[in-house]
């Protein structure tokens, strides 16, 4: 294999710097958390996929929440439903509207579809921008979310796909089962298989199977001039197996995840992040994408990191991470945060309504009742802006991007 040395070395340096940021934030080091101007300016995922905010929410709140059912069918439903949208705000919006935990007994594709349509009518984005999901009318519905909910219903309620998954002999078999369904491309199927593997339903070695997503393919093409016939998958496995040697070669002090080395899924993601990083660091390098879309903004909510118990990391975290807030304090903070989210929802709705009226101009005809309600909300939002608007915008339930 022939590497493009400067870019290849950037891959390992980026992983080291991004992990340095991760631990600096955990250790309450004041920002900036790195001297690298690109990482300080733009939004990048963590070196470890499971450390990203959305993955942490999935693991802690969707899969392992002690108040939720441990039944395998219930767990698979929650994982699929959460990941198909991959957005914390969408999950919380559904549960808030349902008024209960999401379960098989209250899962109704028509009901859930109506709730999400209501959110979209208010101007909210219910899907993540992290990756694109298929949007064909496979199940005969006009809207993407309707077809996705019908897909989940087929997989969980009709086919009871969990029975096939628990019988899988290899990690790749789980991927193949999921990929066999419509609306799920190979990259999405790989992501879902990885998320299911976080649970107790299956327990496969993450390094036993991997594939490259579109971003990783671009990253690999930047790092390698010639792969000597090796596939993208071969390259990812090679990086996983040789990580320690490469960090040593460059004299980098890479801080692993409390002793857990980078897994294949992490090395795959790092190629994607390297591709993004190079758009700013090496703008002359040939690429079909020229800019990094998302800027970094600090998120007020801290993360109490929690990983799949079978990884045996959580006790190590408790030992090595500094003092934590008592549970009572976390509950108080959560209550305050919920209040901010509710107020933010109202403010965001008003702002979007204002923009809609301006945009439509003379085309926007409203009844006197609607106008009265709108004016009432406008007055309320104006009063809030003077004291809390910055916090409300940060905590908005349906921000276009949830910051890692």
Protein backbone atom coordinates (compact mmCIF):
# COMPACT_ATOMS: atom_id res chain seq x y z
CA UNK A 1 0.00 0.00 0.00
CA UNK A 2 1.11 3.54 -0.70
CA UNK A 3 -0.09 6.22 1.67
CA UNK A 4 -0.37 9.95 1.12
CA UNK A 5 1.89 10.51 4.10
CA UNK A 6 0.77 13.92 5.31
CA UNK A 7 -2.90 12.98 5.16
CA UNK A 8 -2.33 9.49 6.56
CA UNK A 9 -0.50 10.98 9.55
CA UNK A 10 -3.30 13.53 9.95
CA UNK A 11 -5.71 10.64 10.54
CA UNK A 12 -3.79 9.57 13.65
CA UNK A 13 -3.14 13.11 14.83
CA UNK A 14 -6.81 13.98 14.48
CA UNK A 15 -7.82 10.90 16.52
CA UNK A 16 -5.37 11.94 19.24
CA UNK A 17 -6.52 15.57 19.32
CA UNK A 18 -10.21 14.67 19.30
CA UNK A 19 -9.72 12.27 22.20
CA UNK A 20 -7.74 14.96 24.02
CA UNK A 21 -10.76 17.24 23.68
CA UNK A 22 -12.99 14.47 25.03
CA UNK A 23 -10.95 14.05 28.21
CA UNK A 24 -10.37 17.75 28.72
CA UNK A 25 -14.12 18.30 28.73
CA UNK A 26 -14.66 15.42 31.16
CA UNK A 27 -11.97 16.79 33.47
CA UNK A 28 -13.62 20.24 33.45
CA UNK A 29 -10.67 21.91 31.74
CA UNK A 30 -11.87 25.34 30.55
CA UNK A 31 -12.04 25.83 26.78
CA UNK A 32 -10.40 25.90 24.36
CA UNK A 33 -9.81 22.16 24.77
CA UNK A 34 -7.23 21.99 21.98
CA UNK A 35 -4.83 24.34 20.26
CA UNK A 36 -5.99 23.11 16.86
CA UNK A 37 -8.02 25.92 15.22
CA UNK A 38 -9.97 23.59 12.93
CA UNK A 39 -11.25 21.37 15.74
CA UNK A 40 -12.05 24.49 17.77
CA UNK A 41 -14.07 25.92 14.88
CA UNK A 42 -15.97 22.99 13.40
CA UNK A 43 -18.12 20.16 14.70
CA UNK A 44 -16.50 16.71 14.68
CA UNK A 45 -17.59 13.38 16.10
CA UNK A 46 -15.65 11.74 18.91
CA UNK A 47 -12.85 9.31 18.16
CA UNK A 48 -15.07 6.63 19.72
CA UNK A 49 -18.54 6.36 18.23
CA UNK A 50 -20.09 5.27 21.53
CA UNK A 51 -18.95 8.54 23.14
CA UNK A 52 -21.00 10.76 20.85
CA UNK A 53 -23.98 12.45 22.48
CA UNK A 54 -26.62 10.60 20.45
CA UNK A 55 -24.97 7.20 21.02
CA UNK A 56 -24.70 7.96 24.73
CA UNK A 57 -28.39 8.80 24.88
CA UNK A 58 -29.23 5.58 23.03
CA UNK A 59 -27.11 3.44 25.33
CA UNK A 60 -28.10 5.05 28.61
CA UNK A 61 -31.69 6.21 28.06
CA UNK A 62 -33.07 3.96 25.33
CA UNK A 63 -31.34 0.60 25.85
CA UNK A 64 -30.25 0.41 29.50
CA UNK A 65 -32.66 2.70 31.35
CA UNK A 66 -33.57 0.62 34.42
CA UNK A 67 -37.23 1.67 34.18
CA UNK A 68 -37.60 0.24 30.69
CA UNK A 69 -38.39 -3.36 29.80
CA UNK A 70 -35.46 -5.70 29.19
CA UNK A 71 -37.59 -7.90 26.93
CA UNK A 72 -35.67 -8.44 23.68
CA UNK A 73 -38.57 -7.43 21.44
CA UNK A 74 -39.07 -4.24 23.44
CA UNK A 75 -35.36 -3.42 23.23
CA UNK A 76 -35.21 -3.99 19.47
CA UNK A 77 -38.26 -1.79 18.95
CA UNK A 78 -36.70 1.03 20.93
CA UNK A 79 -33.37 0.79 19.11
CA UNK A 80 -34.94 0.75 15.65
CA UNK A 81 -37.37 3.55 16.40
CA UNK A 82 -34.73 5.77 17.94
CA UNK A 83 -32.10 5.14 15.27
CA UNK A 84 -34.32 5.47 12.22
CA UNK A 85 -34.59 9.18 13.10
CA UNK A 86 -31.36 9.27 15.15
CA UNK A 87 -32.47 12.41 16.93
CA UNK A 88 -32.89 12.81 20.68
CA UNK A 89 -35.46 15.54 20.28
CA UNK A 90 -37.69 13.36 18.09
CA UNK A 91 -37.63 10.53 20.62
CA UNK A 92 -38.46 12.86 23.50
CA UNK A 93 -41.20 14.56 21.49
CA UNK A 94 -42.85 11.19 20.86
CA UNK A 95 -42.69 10.14 24.50
CA UNK A 96 -43.92 13.52 25.71
CA UNK A 97 -46.93 13.33 23.40
CA UNK A 98 -47.65 9.71 24.29
CA UNK A 99 -47.29 10.53 27.96
CA UNK A 100 -45.50 7.27 28.69
CA UNK A 101 -42.49 5.17 27.76
CA UNK A 102 -42.45 3.84 24.20
CA UNK A 103 -43.41 0.15 24.34
CA UNK A 104 -44.80 -2.54 22.08
CA UNK A 105 -48.22 -2.12 23.66
CA UNK A 106 -48.48 1.56 22.72
CA UNK A 107 -46.56 1.43 19.46
CA UNK A 108 -49.03 2.33 16.72
CA UNK A 109 -47.56 3.42 13.42
CA UNK A 110 -50.58 5.59 12.58
CA UNK A 111 -50.58 7.31 15.97
CA UNK A 112 -46.82 7.88 15.90
CA UNK A 113 -47.06 9.13 12.33
CA UNK A 114 -49.68 11.71 13.29
CA UNK A 115 -47.56 12.91 16.21
CA UNK A 116 -44.52 13.35 14.00
CA UNK A 117 -46.58 15.04 11.29
CA UNK A 118 -47.73 17.50 13.94
CA UNK A 119 -44.09 18.24 14.79
CA UNK A 120 -43.25 18.75 11.11
CA UNK A 121 -46.24 21.08 10.70
CA UNK A 122 -44.72 23.20 13.46
CA UNK A 123 -41.56 23.42 11.42
CA UNK A 124 -39.42 20.90 13.26
CA UNK A 125 -36.86 18.64 11.59
CA UNK A 126 -37.48 15.09 12.81
CA UNK A 127 -34.51 13.39 11.10
CA UNK A 128 -30.83 13.82 11.85
CA UNK A 129 -28.53 15.45 9.34
CA UNK A 130 -25.74 13.01 10.28
CA UNK A 131 -26.62 10.57 7.50
CA UNK A 132 -29.27 10.24 4.85
CA UNK A 133 -31.93 7.56 5.10
CA UNK A 134 -33.77 6.08 2.13
CA UNK A 135 -37.00 7.85 1.29
CA UNK A 136 -38.88 5.71 -1.25
CA UNK A 137 -42.60 4.95 -0.95
CA UNK A 138 -41.89 1.29 -0.28
CA UNK A 139 -44.94 0.81 1.93
CA UNK A 140 -47.25 2.99 -0.15
CA UNK A 141 -47.16 6.16 1.92
CA UNK A 142 -46.36 9.63 0.63
CA UNK A 143 -44.27 10.73 3.61
CA UNK A 144 -40.87 9.30 4.50
CA UNK A 145 -41.63 8.95 8.20
CA UNK A 146 -44.82 7.00 7.45
CA UNK A 147 -42.88 4.44 5.41
CA UNK A 148 -40.21 4.17 8.09
CA UNK A 149 -42.78 3.55 10.81
CA UNK A 150 -44.42 0.92 8.61
CA UNK A 151 -40.97 -0.68 8.19
CA UNK A 152 -40.47 -0.85 11.95
CA UNK A 153 -43.92 -2.35 12.37
CA UNK A 154 -43.09 -5.04 9.82
CA UNK A 155 -39.70 -5.83 11.35
CA UNK A 156 -40.79 -5.93 14.98
CA UNK A 157 -44.49 -6.76 15.13
CA UNK A 158 -45.02 -8.79 11.96
CA UNK A 159 -41.71 -10.54 11.27
CA UNK A 160 -40.41 -10.56 14.85
CA UNK A 161 -36.96 -9.95 13.45
CA UNK A 162 -35.40 -10.24 16.90
CA UNK A 163 -35.82 -14.03 16.70
CA UNK A 164 -33.53 -14.16 13.67
CA UNK A 165 -31.05 -11.72 15.18
CA UNK A 166 -30.56 -13.67 18.42
CA UNK A 167 -29.88 -16.82 16.36
CA UNK A 168 -27.18 -15.12 14.26
CA UNK A 169 -23.81 -16.87 14.37
CA UNK A 170 -21.75 -13.88 13.24
CA UNK A 171 -21.91 -10.12 13.45
CA UNK A 172 -22.10 -10.02 9.66
CA UNK A 173 -25.24 -12.19 9.81
CA UNK A 174 -27.01 -9.48 11.82
CA UNK A 175 -26.01 -6.94 9.19
CA UNK A 176 -27.34 -9.19 6.41
CA UNK A 177 -30.67 -9.69 8.21
CA UNK A 178 -31.19 -5.96 8.56
CA UNK A 179 -29.99 -5.14 5.07
CA UNK A 180 -32.56 -7.56 3.71
CA UNK A 181 -35.30 -5.05 4.52
CA UNK A 182 -36.25 -2.14 2.25
CA UNK A 183 -35.32 1.47 3.05
CA UNK A 184 -32.14 0.32 4.78
CA UNK A 185 -28.96 0.63 2.74
CA UNK A 186 -25.77 -1.15 3.67
CA UNK A 187 -24.38 1.72 5.74
CA UNK A 188 -27.59 2.16 7.72
CA UNK A 189 -27.79 -1.61 8.25
CA UNK A 190 -24.25 -1.59 9.63
CA UNK A 191 -25.07 1.27 11.98
CA UNK A 192 -28.18 -0.53 13.25
CA UNK A 193 -26.29 -3.79 13.72
CA UNK A 194 -23.69 -1.92 15.79
CA UNK A 195 -26.37 -0.28 17.93
CA UNK A 196 -28.10 -3.61 18.56
CA UNK A 197 -24.71 -5.02 19.52
CA UNK A 198 -24.54 -2.38 22.28
CA UNK A 199 -27.47 -4.15 23.93
CA UNK A 200 -27.67 -7.55 25.62
CA UNK A 201 -29.55 -9.03 22.65
CA UNK A 202 -26.29 -10.02 20.94
CA UNK A 203 -22.62 -9.84 21.88
CA UNK A 204 -20.27 -9.97 18.90
CA UNK A 205 -16.74 -8.65 18.52
CA UNK A 206 -17.07 -5.27 16.80
CA UNK A 207 -13.85 -5.96 14.93
CA UNK A 208 -15.24 -9.09 13.31
CA UNK A 209 -17.13 -7.13 10.65
CA UNK A 210 -17.11 -3.63 9.19
CA UNK A 211 -17.97 -1.71 6.06
CA UNK A 212 -17.13 1.80 4.93
CA UNK A 213 -19.74 4.49 4.59
CA UNK A 214 -19.52 7.16 1.87
CA UNK A 215 -17.57 9.55 4.12
CA UNK A 216 -15.10 6.85 5.10
CA UNK A 217 -14.56 5.97 1.45
CA UNK A 218 -13.64 9.59 0.75
CA UNK A 219 -11.30 9.60 3.74
CA UNK A 220 -9.58 6.42 2.64
CA UNK A 221 -9.09 7.84 -0.85
CA UNK A 222 -7.39 10.87 0.68
CA UNK A 223 -5.14 8.83 2.98
CA UNK A 224 -4.06 6.26 0.38
CA UNK A 225 -2.61 6.79 -3.06
CA UNK A 226 -2.64 3.06 -3.78
CA UNK A 227 -4.35 0.38 -1.67
CA UNK A 228 -2.64 -2.49 -3.51
CA UNK A 229 -5.93 -4.16 -4.27
CA UNK A 230 -7.21 -4.04 -0.71
CA UNK A 231 -10.89 -3.21 -0.22
CA UNK A 232 -12.20 -0.41 1.96
CA UNK A 233 -13.04 -3.04 4.56
CA UNK A 234 -9.49 -4.41 4.44
CA UNK A 235 -8.11 -0.91 5.00
CA UNK A 236 -10.32 -0.31 8.04
CA UNK A 237 -9.25 -3.62 9.57
CA UNK A 238 -5.60 -2.77 8.87
CA UNK A 239 -5.95 0.57 10.68
CA UNK A 240 -7.63 -1.14 13.63
CA UNK A 241 -4.89 -3.74 13.92
CA UNK A 242 -1.99 -1.31 13.53
CA UNK A 243 -3.21 1.64 15.60
CA UNK A 244 -0.76 1.22 18.47
CA UNK A 245 2.21 1.04 16.14
CA UNK A 246 1.12 4.15 14.21
CA UNK A 247 0.59 6.20 17.36
CA UNK A 248 4.06 5.19 18.55
CA UNK A 249 5.64 5.95 15.18
CA UNK A 250 4.33 9.52 15.37
CA UNK A 251 5.11 9.92 19.06
CA UNK A 252 1.45 10.56 19.86
CA UNK A 253 0.01 10.11 23.33
CA UNK A 254 -3.35 8.71 22.31
CA UNK A 255 -5.67 8.37 25.31
CA UNK A 256 -7.80 5.28 24.77
CA UNK A 257 -11.30 4.87 26.15
CA UNK A 258 -10.21 3.75 29.61
CA UNK A 259 -8.13 0.95 28.10
CA UNK A 260 -10.45 0.09 25.21
CA UNK A 261 -8.63 0.53 21.86
CA UNK A 262 -10.29 1.92 18.78
CA UNK A 263 -12.68 -0.60 17.25
CA UNK A 264 -13.37 -1.09 13.54
CA UNK A 265 -16.50 1.08 13.72
CA UNK A 266 -14.40 3.84 15.28
CA UNK A 267 -11.66 3.62 12.66
CA UNK A 268 -14.36 3.69 9.99
CA UNK A 269 -15.82 6.86 11.51
CA UNK A 270 -12.39 8.44 11.84
CA UNK A 271 -11.89 8.17 8.09
CA UNK A 272 -15.10 10.16 7.65
CA UNK A 273 -13.96 12.77 10.18
CA UNK A 274 -10.52 12.94 8.55
CA UNK A 275 -12.20 13.63 5.23
CA UNK A 276 -14.04 16.55 6.86
CA UNK A 277 -10.91 17.83 8.63
CA UNK A 278 -8.90 17.80 5.40
CA UNK A 279 -11.42 20.09 3.70
CA UNK A 280 -10.14 22.86 5.96
CA UNK A 281 -6.57 21.66 6.55
CA UNK A 282 -5.78 20.75 2.94
CA UNK A 283 -8.26 22.68 0.77
CA UNK A 284 -6.25 22.01 -2.39
CA UNK A 285 -6.65 18.25 -2.00
CA UNK A 286 -9.05 16.98 -4.64
CA UNK A 287 -12.48 16.25 -3.17
CA UNK A 288 -16.12 16.38 -4.21
CA UNK A 289 -16.89 18.20 -0.95
CA UNK A 290 -15.14 21.49 -0.30
CA UNK A 291 -16.40 22.76 3.05
CA UNK A 292 -17.31 21.55 6.54
CA UNK A 293 -20.98 22.31 7.04
CA UNK A 294 -21.37 22.41 10.82
CA UNK A 295 -19.63 24.83 13.17
CA UNK A 296 -18.85 23.83 16.73
CA UNK A 297 -21.08 25.29 19.44
CA UNK A 298 -20.84 24.31 23.09
CA UNK A 299 -23.76 22.38 24.52
CA UNK A 300 -24.90 23.24 28.05
CA UNK A 301 -25.92 19.69 28.95
CA UNK A 302 -23.03 17.67 30.33
CA UNK A 303 -22.87 13.93 29.71
CA UNK A 304 -22.58 11.41 32.52
CA UNK A 305 -20.79 8.83 30.40
CA UNK A 306 -22.12 5.30 30.43
CA UNK A 307 -21.14 2.43 28.14
CA UNK A 308 -22.55 -1.05 27.58
CA UNK A 309 -21.93 -2.87 30.89
CA UNK A 310 -20.44 -5.84 29.05
CA UNK A 311 -17.50 -3.59 28.08
CA UNK A 312 -16.62 -3.33 31.78
CA UNK A 313 -15.76 0.36 31.53
CA UNK A 314 -18.26 2.00 33.84
CA UNK A 315 -16.46 1.10 37.08
CA UNK A 316 -13.22 2.43 35.60
CA UNK A 317 -14.95 5.69 34.75
CA UNK A 318 -16.19 6.06 38.30
CA UNK A 319 -12.68 5.49 39.61
CA UNK A 320 -10.85 7.84 37.26
CA UNK A 321 -13.30 10.65 36.59
CA UNK A 322 -13.45 13.41 39.21
CA UNK A 323 -16.37 14.15 41.52
CA UNK A 324 -19.90 13.90 40.13
CA UNK A 325 -23.08 15.63 41.12
CA UNK A 326 -25.29 13.68 43.52
CA UNK A 327 -28.32 12.02 41.93
CA UNK A 328 -30.63 14.54 43.59
CA UNK A 329 -28.74 17.37 41.89
CA UNK A 330 -29.01 15.60 38.53
CA UNK A 331 -32.76 15.30 39.04
CA UNK A 332 -33.01 19.02 39.80
CA UNK A 333 -30.97 19.90 36.74
CA UNK A 334 -33.13 17.65 34.59
CA UNK A 335 -36.28 19.34 35.90
CA UNK A 336 -34.85 22.78 35.10
CA UNK A 337 -33.74 21.55 31.67
CA UNK A 338 -37.23 20.21 30.93
CA UNK A 339 -38.70 23.62 31.78
CA UNK A 340 -36.26 25.32 29.45
CA UNK A 341 -37.10 22.85 26.70
CA UNK A 342 -40.84 23.48 27.03
CA UNK A 343 -40.39 27.27 26.91
CA UNK A 344 -37.93 26.88 24.06
CA UNK A 345 -40.50 24.85 22.12
CA UNK A 346 -43.01 27.69 22.40
CA UNK A 347 -40.44 30.34 21.48
CA UNK A 348 -39.19 28.35 18.49
CA UNK A 349 -42.77 27.78 17.28
CA UNK A 350 -43.46 31.52 17.43
CA UNK A 351 -40.26 32.43 15.60
CA UNK A 352 -41.01 29.92 12.85
CA UNK A 353 -44.60 31.20 12.56
CA UNK A 354 -43.28 34.75 12.15
CA UNK A 355 -40.92 33.69 9.37
CA UNK A 356 -43.71 31.82 7.62
CA UNK A 357 -46.01 34.85 7.59
CA UNK A 358 -43.27 37.12 6.25
CA UNK A 359 -42.35 34.62 3.56
CA UNK A 360 -45.89 34.02 2.35
CA UNK A 361 -46.89 37.69 2.44
CA UNK A 362 -50.27 38.23 0.93
CA UNK A 363 -50.73 34.48 0.50
CA UNK A 364 -50.99 33.96 4.24
CA UNK A 365 -54.62 34.23 5.25
CA UNK A 366 -55.43 33.57 8.86
CA UNK A 367 -58.64 33.59 10.85
CA UNK A 368 -59.11 36.11 13.64
CA UNK A 369 -58.69 33.36 16.23
CA UNK A 370 -55.35 32.30 14.75
CA UNK A 371 -54.18 35.91 14.60
CA UNK A 372 -55.14 36.45 18.21
CA UNK A 373 -53.29 33.32 19.30
CA UNK A 374 -50.23 34.31 17.29
CA UNK A 375 -50.15 37.82 18.78
CA UNK A 376 -50.43 36.36 22.27
CA UNK A 377 -47.44 34.08 21.64
CA UNK A 378 -45.48 36.92 20.05
CA UNK A 379 -45.89 39.11 23.11
CA UNK A 380 -44.87 36.26 25.38
CA UNK A 381 -41.78 35.44 23.34
CA UNK A 382 -40.72 39.10 23.27
CA UNK A 383 -40.82 39.24 27.06
CA UNK A 384 -38.73 36.10 27.30
CA UNK A 385 -36.07 37.27 24.88
CA UNK A 386 -34.60 39.90 27.20
CA UNK A 387 -33.60 37.43 29.92
CA UNK A 388 -33.50 33.87 28.62
CA UNK A 389 -33.35 33.78 24.81
CA UNK A 390 -29.78 32.55 24.59
CA UNK A 391 -30.47 29.62 26.91
CA UNK A 392 -33.72 28.81 25.14
CA UNK A 393 -32.06 28.68 21.74
CA UNK A 394 -29.35 26.38 23.04
CA UNK A 395 -31.90 24.06 24.59
CA UNK A 396 -34.39 24.14 21.72
CA UNK A 397 -36.04 20.72 21.42
CA UNK A 398 -35.63 20.60 17.71
CA UNK A 399 -32.30 22.25 16.90
CA UNK A 400 -31.18 21.41 13.38
CA UNK A 401 -28.07 19.72 14.81
CA UNK A 402 -27.52 18.10 18.20
CA UNK A 403 -23.94 18.92 19.15
CA UNK A 404 -21.53 16.11 19.94
